[in-house]
Amino acid sequence: TRTPRPLETTLSLTHDMSYSGGVILYRGEVLANFAADRLVGLLEAGREAHPLICFLEKLQKNPSKRVVDSLYEFLEKGSIPLTEDGDFLAYKAVRADFKDIHSGTFDNRIGAACTMPRNKVDEDQDRTCSSGLHVCSFDYLPHFSHANGHVMVVKVHPADVVAIPRDYNDTKMRVSKYVVVDEVKGYYETRTDVLGDAGRA
């Protein structure tokens, strides 16, 4: 297999982001993180990169350097797919009445937008369970879902991720906002990773 070589050109990816000489530049500065490296690989292999371009640009609006550096690696590890506009999809286990399991105050029916002030979300990755809106990858669902509840699919903007706790092998995160876009029908019967399967299709 031929190893992709740096493109002999400068590509304008968005108004603020470009590719040049084997690196991604954002407003003239080199982006050095996992997502940028993956994007370089896609571009140099001539593969579809639009969702990752949008994701990486949105990620720059996140005020946490730790999240900017580590979020995309978390998504790849959990087989969490990007959407065409650069957001990502994740799972949310809820009660039978579609309220969140912890507080019972957030409605998680399809179409609901759940939000809280970012400065109310605990950014300490060493605290396992703390304040914030929680979403997860497929591997975390058995730790928190209950057979009399529902498993929802939520859409998250990369700038709204606040913390990725170290516990449970990096399978959940705290965010300040998400939108509920679907329900995983039959999860408790089939235990199917619909998001991971879609990404591999």
Protein backbone atom coordinates (compact mmCIF):
# COMPACT_ATOMS: atom_id res chain seq x y z
CA THR A 1 0.00 0.00 0.00
CA ARG A 2 1.37 3.41 -0.97
CA THR A 3 2.02 5.75 1.93
CA PRO A 4 0.25 9.09 1.28
CA ARG A 5 2.64 12.01 0.80
CA PRO A 6 1.99 15.65 1.68
CA LEU A 7 -0.01 17.39 -1.01
CA GLU A 8 2.06 19.79 -3.07
CA THR A 9 -0.46 22.57 -2.66
CA THR A 10 -2.27 24.68 -0.11
CA LEU A 11 -5.94 23.87 0.33
CA SER A 12 -8.47 26.28 1.78
CA LEU A 13 -10.75 24.12 3.92
CA THR A 14 -12.88 26.85 5.51
CA HIS A 15 -12.60 30.60 5.95
CA ASP A 16 -10.26 30.08 8.93
CA MET A 17 -8.74 26.67 8.26
CA SER A 18 -6.37 25.40 5.58
CA TYR A 19 -4.01 22.56 4.74
CA SER A 20 -0.42 23.30 3.76
CA GLY A 21 2.71 21.17 3.65
CA GLY A 22 1.37 18.28 5.70
CA VAL A 23 -0.25 20.30 8.51
CA ILE A 24 -3.59 21.91 9.30
CA LEU A 25 -3.56 25.65 9.96
CA TYR A 26 -6.27 27.51 11.85
CA ARG A 27 -6.03 31.28 11.52
CA GLY A 28 -2.40 30.83 10.55
CA GLU A 29 -1.42 28.60 13.50
CA VAL A 30 -0.63 24.91 13.23
CA LEU A 31 -3.16 22.57 14.85
CA ALA A 32 -1.30 19.75 16.57
CA ASN A 33 -3.78 17.23 17.93
CA PHE A 34 -5.32 13.84 17.16
CA ALA A 35 -8.17 15.25 15.04
CA ALA A 36 -5.83 17.39 12.93
CA ASP A 37 -3.58 14.38 12.30
CA ARG A 38 -6.57 12.31 11.20
CA LEU A 39 -7.69 15.11 8.87
CA VAL A 40 -4.25 15.30 7.26
CA GLY A 41 -4.41 11.56 6.66
CA LEU A 42 -7.81 11.79 4.97
CA LEU A 43 -6.79 14.70 2.76
CA GLU A 44 -3.54 13.08 1.65
CA ALA A 45 -5.34 9.81 0.91
CA GLY A 46 -7.96 11.66 -1.15
CA ARG A 47 -10.81 10.49 1.09
CA GLU A 48 -14.01 12.25 2.15
CA ALA A 49 -13.17 14.71 4.91
CA HIS A 50 -16.05 17.21 5.08
CA PRO A 51 -17.54 16.06 8.45
CA LEU A 52 -14.10 16.09 10.10
CA ILE A 53 -13.29 19.52 8.64
CA CYS A 54 -16.51 20.90 10.14
CA PHE A 55 -15.87 19.11 13.44
CA LEU A 56 -12.33 20.44 13.75
CA GLU A 57 -13.41 23.99 13.07
CA LYS A 58 -16.22 23.78 15.64
CA LEU A 59 -13.82 22.21 18.14
CA GLN A 60 -11.69 25.38 18.11
CA LYS A 61 -14.57 27.19 19.84
CA ASN A 62 -14.22 24.93 22.90
CA PRO A 63 -12.40 26.85 25.68
CA SER A 64 -10.83 23.69 27.16
CA LYS A 65 -7.42 22.74 25.73
CA ARG A 66 -7.78 19.28 27.25
CA VAL A 67 -11.02 18.68 25.36
CA VAL A 68 -9.64 20.15 22.12
CA ASP A 69 -6.66 17.79 22.33
CA SER A 70 -8.51 14.61 23.32
CA LEU A 71 -12.12 14.69 22.11
CA TYR A 72 -11.70 13.14 18.69
CA GLU A 73 -9.63 10.27 20.07
CA PHE A 74 -12.50 9.59 22.51
CA LEU A 75 -14.98 9.56 19.61
CA GLU A 76 -12.90 7.15 17.54
CA LYS A 77 -12.35 4.86 20.50
CA GLY A 78 -16.10 4.68 21.13
CA SER A 79 -17.07 4.38 17.44
CA ILE A 80 -19.07 7.59 17.83
CA PRO A 81 -19.93 9.05 14.41
CA LEU A 82 -19.72 12.62 13.22
CA THR A 83 -22.66 14.28 11.51
CA GLU A 84 -22.31 16.04 8.17
CA ASP A 85 -22.24 19.44 9.93
CA GLY A 86 -19.42 18.44 12.29
CA ASP A 87 -21.38 17.62 15.45
CA PHE A 88 -21.35 14.07 16.83
CA LEU A 89 -23.93 11.53 17.98
CA ALA A 90 -23.85 9.78 21.34
CA TYR A 91 -26.10 7.76 23.65
CA LYS A 92 -28.21 8.84 26.63
CA ALA A 93 -29.98 6.38 28.94
CA VAL A 94 -33.15 7.81 30.51
CA ARG A 95 -36.09 6.81 32.69
CA ALA A 96 -39.38 5.30 31.50
CA ASP A 97 -40.89 8.81 31.46
CA PHE A 98 -37.94 10.08 29.35
CA LYS A 99 -36.54 12.14 32.23
CA ASP A 100 -32.84 11.97 33.09
CA ILE A 101 -31.93 9.21 35.53
CA HIS A 102 -30.01 11.37 38.02
CA SER A 103 -32.30 14.34 38.68
CA GLY A 104 -35.54 13.48 36.89
CA THR A 105 -35.84 17.08 35.69
CA PHE A 106 -34.67 17.07 32.04
CA ASP A 107 -37.11 15.86 29.39
CA ASN A 108 -35.34 13.67 26.83
CA ARG A 109 -38.05 13.06 24.25
CA ILE A 110 -37.06 13.35 20.61
CA GLY A 111 -36.61 17.00 19.69
CA ALA A 112 -35.78 18.18 23.21
CA ALA A 113 -32.76 20.44 23.70
CA CYS A 114 -31.23 19.94 27.15
CA THR A 115 -28.91 22.68 28.34
CA MET A 116 -27.28 24.13 31.45
CA PRO A 117 -24.74 26.93 32.00
CA ARG A 118 -21.26 25.73 31.11
CA ASN A 119 -19.82 27.07 34.38
CA LYS A 120 -22.21 24.75 36.25
CA VAL A 121 -20.69 21.66 34.59
CA ASP A 122 -17.77 20.10 36.47
CA GLU A 123 -14.67 20.22 34.24
CA ASP A 124 -12.53 18.02 36.52
CA GLN A 125 -11.86 14.79 34.61
CA ASP A 126 -10.79 13.07 37.82
CA ARG A 127 -14.28 13.37 39.33
CA THR A 128 -16.36 10.40 38.26
CA CYS A 129 -19.91 11.49 38.93
CA SER A 130 -20.53 15.20 39.20
CA SER A 131 -22.64 18.08 37.91
CA GLY A 132 -23.36 18.29 34.21
CA LEU A 133 -25.32 16.68 31.40
CA HIS A 134 -24.01 13.19 30.71
CA VAL A 135 -23.79 11.36 27.39
CA CYS A 136 -21.83 8.22 26.54
CA SER A 137 -20.50 5.73 24.05
CA PHE A 138 -22.05 2.29 23.62
CA ASP A 139 -19.70 0.56 26.07
CA TYR A 140 -20.94 2.67 28.99
CA LEU A 141 -24.65 1.89 28.53
CA PRO A 142 -24.65 -1.38 30.58
CA HIS A 143 -23.38 0.61 33.60
CA PHE A 144 -26.29 3.03 33.64
CA SER A 145 -29.24 1.94 31.51
CA HIS A 146 -32.30 0.23 33.02
CA ALA A 147 -34.65 -2.16 31.23
CA ASN A 148 -37.71 -0.10 32.14
CA GLY A 149 -36.24 3.04 30.53
CA HIS A 150 -35.16 4.24 27.12
CA VAL A 151 -31.90 4.70 25.26
CA MET A 152 -31.80 7.89 23.21
CA VAL A 153 -29.47 9.23 20.54
CA VAL A 154 -28.29 12.79 21.15
CA LYS A 155 -26.45 15.30 18.97
CA VAL A 156 -23.63 17.32 20.56
CA HIS A 157 -21.69 20.36 19.34
CA PRO A 158 -17.93 19.86 19.97
CA ALA A 159 -17.72 23.24 21.73
CA ASP A 160 -20.25 22.06 24.35
CA VAL A 161 -18.09 19.19 25.70
CA VAL A 162 -16.74 20.09 29.14
CA ALA A 163 -15.08 16.97 30.57
CA ILE A 164 -14.24 13.36 29.76
CA PRO A 165 -13.89 11.55 33.12
CA ARG A 166 -11.04 9.04 33.35
CA ASP A 167 -13.21 6.34 34.91
CA TYR A 168 -14.96 3.57 32.95
CA ASN A 169 -12.17 3.62 30.36
CA ASP A 170 -13.16 6.95 28.81
CA THR A 171 -16.68 5.98 27.75
CA LYS A 172 -18.74 8.93 29.01
CA MET A 173 -18.55 12.71 29.08
CA ARG A 174 -20.11 15.77 30.65
CA VAL A 175 -21.52 18.40 28.31
CA SER A 176 -23.43 21.66 28.67
CA LYS A 177 -25.92 21.01 25.88
CA TYR A 178 -27.30 18.29 23.61
CA VAL A 179 -30.32 17.77 21.36
CA VAL A 180 -32.26 14.49 21.39
CA VAL A 181 -32.59 13.24 17.81
CA ASP A 182 -33.72 9.60 18.03
CA GLU A 183 -34.47 6.58 20.20
CA VAL A 184 -32.75 3.20 19.98
CA LYS A 185 -35.73 0.89 19.67
CA GLY A 186 -35.18 -2.58 21.08
CA TYR A 187 -31.85 -1.84 22.75
CA TYR A 188 -32.66 -4.06 25.73
CA GLU A 189 -33.52 -6.99 23.46
CA THR A 190 -30.67 -6.77 20.93
CA ARG A 191 -27.94 -4.67 22.64
CA THR A 192 -27.00 -3.35 19.19
CA ASP A 193 -24.57 -0.47 18.76
CA VAL A 194 -26.57 1.36 16.10
CA LEU A 195 -24.16 4.33 16.01
CA GLY A 196 -21.03 2.21 15.71
CA ASP A 197 -22.64 -0.05 13.12
CA ALA A 198 -23.66 3.00 11.05
CA GLY A 199 -20.11 4.34 11.15
CA ARG A 200 -18.71 1.02 9.97
CA ALA A 201 -21.26 0.56 7.17
